Amino acid sequence: MLDQRLGIDRDKINEIEALIEELQALMASLPSDNADNSKLKQQLADLQKQLDQEYQKGAEHMREKDKSEN
């Protein structure tokens, strides 16, 4: 309920966070010189960007809500 008022999609955020954790665990299990690490790092950066965008949507929603109330 609070998430809806804040304008964020909690399910999507939880999904992205779970994927980030999985990637981090996978990266930790691989040798640091593994060729796949650069691909995994890029995927991790992309997921972090998606997470940031979801939180940004919530911040924008709150700004719009504040404008409409004033």
C-alpha atoms as a PDB file:
ATOM      1  CA  MET A   1       0.000   0.000   0.000  1.00  0.00           C
ATOM      2  CA  LEU A   2       2.749   2.430   0.938  1.00  0.00           C
ATOM      3  CA  ASP A   3       4.669   1.495  -2.190  1.00  0.00           C
ATOM      4  CA  GLN A   4       1.662   2.409  -4.317  1.00  0.00           C
ATOM      5  CA  ARG A   5       1.436   5.786  -2.629  1.00  0.00           C
ATOM      6  CA  LEU A   6       5.126   6.308  -3.275  1.00  0.00           C
ATOM      7  CA  GLY A   7       4.696   5.280  -6.900  1.00  0.00           C
ATOM      8  CA  ILE A   8       7.105   2.363  -6.866  1.00  0.00           C
ATOM      9  CA  ASP A   9       6.642  -1.223  -8.008  1.00  0.00           C
ATOM     10  CA  ARG A  10       7.837  -3.253  -5.015  1.00  0.00           C
ATOM     11  CA  ASP A  11       7.585  -6.564  -6.912  1.00  0.00           C
ATOM     12  CA  LYS A  12       9.833  -5.279  -9.678  1.00  0.00           C
ATOM     13  CA  ILE A  13      12.308  -3.866  -7.157  1.00  0.00           C
ATOM     14  CA  ASN A  14      12.415  -7.182  -5.287  1.00  0.00           C
ATOM     15  CA  GLU A  15      12.956  -9.034  -8.563  1.00  0.00           C
ATOM     16  CA  ILE A  16      15.828  -6.758  -9.592  1.00  0.00           C
ATOM     17  CA  GLU A  17      17.422  -6.990  -6.143  1.00  0.00           C
ATOM     18  CA  ALA A  18      17.222 -10.801  -6.263  1.00  0.00           C
ATOM     19  CA  LEU A  19      18.898 -10.832  -9.676  1.00  0.00           C
ATOM     20  CA  ILE A  20      21.634  -8.523  -8.389  1.00  0.00           C
ATOM     21  CA  GLU A  21      22.270 -10.852  -5.445  1.00  0.00           C
ATOM     22  CA  GLU A  22      22.430 -13.886  -7.757  1.00  0.00           C
ATOM     23  CA  LEU A  23      24.931 -12.159 -10.042  1.00  0.00           C
ATOM     24  CA  GLN A  24      27.055 -11.047  -7.112  1.00  0.00           C
ATOM     25  CA  ALA A  25      27.139 -14.599  -5.762  1.00  0.00           C
ATOM     26  CA  LEU A  26      28.046 -15.954  -9.187  1.00  0.00           C
ATOM     27  CA  MET A  27      30.808 -13.392  -9.598  1.00  0.00           C
ATOM     28  CA  ALA A  28      32.190 -14.211  -6.151  1.00  0.00           C
ATOM     29  CA  SER A  29      32.384 -17.888  -7.076  1.00  0.00           C
ATOM     30  CA  LEU A  30      34.351 -17.256 -10.278  1.00  0.00           C
ATOM     31  CA  PRO A  31      38.071 -16.536 -10.453  1.00  0.00           C
ATOM     32  CA  SER A  32      38.729 -12.805 -10.814  1.00  0.00           C
ATOM     33  CA  ASP A  33      40.463 -13.332 -14.160  1.00  0.00           C
ATOM     34  CA  ASN A  34      37.484 -15.202 -15.638  1.00  0.00           C
ATOM     35  CA  ALA A  35      36.479 -13.855 -19.060  1.00  0.00           C
ATOM     36  CA  ASP A  36      32.805 -13.900 -18.080  1.00  0.00           C
ATOM     37  CA  ASN A  37      33.404 -11.408 -15.266  1.00  0.00           C
ATOM     38  CA  SER A  38      33.285  -8.402 -17.590  1.00  0.00           C
ATOM     39  CA  LYS A  39      29.945  -9.557 -18.994  1.00  0.00           C
ATOM     40  CA  LEU A  40      28.615 -10.166 -15.501  1.00  0.00           C
ATOM     41  CA  LYS A  41      29.841  -6.762 -14.355  1.00  0.00           C
ATOM     42  CA  GLN A  42      27.968  -5.157 -17.251  1.00  0.00           C
ATOM     43  CA  GLN A  43      24.812  -7.098 -16.402  1.00  0.00           C
ATOM     44  CA  LEU A  44      25.181  -6.026 -12.782  1.00  0.00           C
ATOM     45  CA  ALA A  45      25.581  -2.393 -13.820  1.00  0.00           C
ATOM     46  CA  ASP A  46      22.480  -2.668 -16.024  1.00  0.00           C
ATOM     47  CA  LEU A  47      20.443  -4.141 -13.179  1.00  0.00           C
ATOM     48  CA  GLN A  48      21.627  -1.423 -10.808  1.00  0.00           C
ATOM     49  CA  LYS A  49      20.569   1.156 -13.375  1.00  0.00           C
ATOM     50  CA  GLN A  50      17.118  -0.446 -13.607  1.00  0.00           C
ATOM     51  CA  LEU A  51      16.840  -0.385  -9.821  1.00  0.00           C
ATOM     52  CA  ASP A  52      17.826   3.278  -9.737  1.00  0.00           C
ATOM     53  CA  GLN A  53      15.202   4.028 -12.391  1.00  0.00           C
ATOM     54  CA  GLU A  54      12.482   2.355 -10.326  1.00  0.00           C
ATOM     55  CA  TYR A  55      13.383   4.467  -7.303  1.00  0.00           C
ATOM     56  CA  GLN A  56      13.567   7.560  -9.530  1.00  0.00           C
ATOM     57  CA  LYS A  57      10.005   6.864 -10.691  1.00  0.00           C
ATOM     58  CA  GLY A  58       8.934   6.942  -7.054  1.00  0.00           C
ATOM     59  CA  ALA A  59      10.746  10.224  -6.446  1.00  0.00           C
ATOM     60  CA  GLU A  60       9.145  11.767  -9.542  1.00  0.00           C
ATOM     61  CA  HIS A  61       5.743  10.503  -8.444  1.00  0.00           C
ATOM     62  CA  MET A  62       6.180  12.198  -5.061  1.00  0.00           C
ATOM     63  CA  ARG A  63       7.246  15.489  -6.697  1.00  0.00           C
ATOM     64  CA  GLU A  64       4.199  15.392  -8.963  1.00  0.00           C
ATOM     65  CA  LYS A  65       1.965  14.583  -6.004  1.00  0.00           C
ATOM     66  CA  ASP A  66       3.405  17.519  -4.052  1.00  0.00           C
ATOM     67  CA  LYS A  67       2.814  19.862  -7.001  1.00  0.00           C
ATOM     68  CA  SER A  68      -0.791  18.760  -7.372  1.00  0.00           C
ATOM     69  CA  GLU A  69      -1.482  19.239  -3.662  1.00  0.00           C
ATOM     70  CA  ASN A  70      -0.167  22.817  -3.681  1.00  0.00           C
END
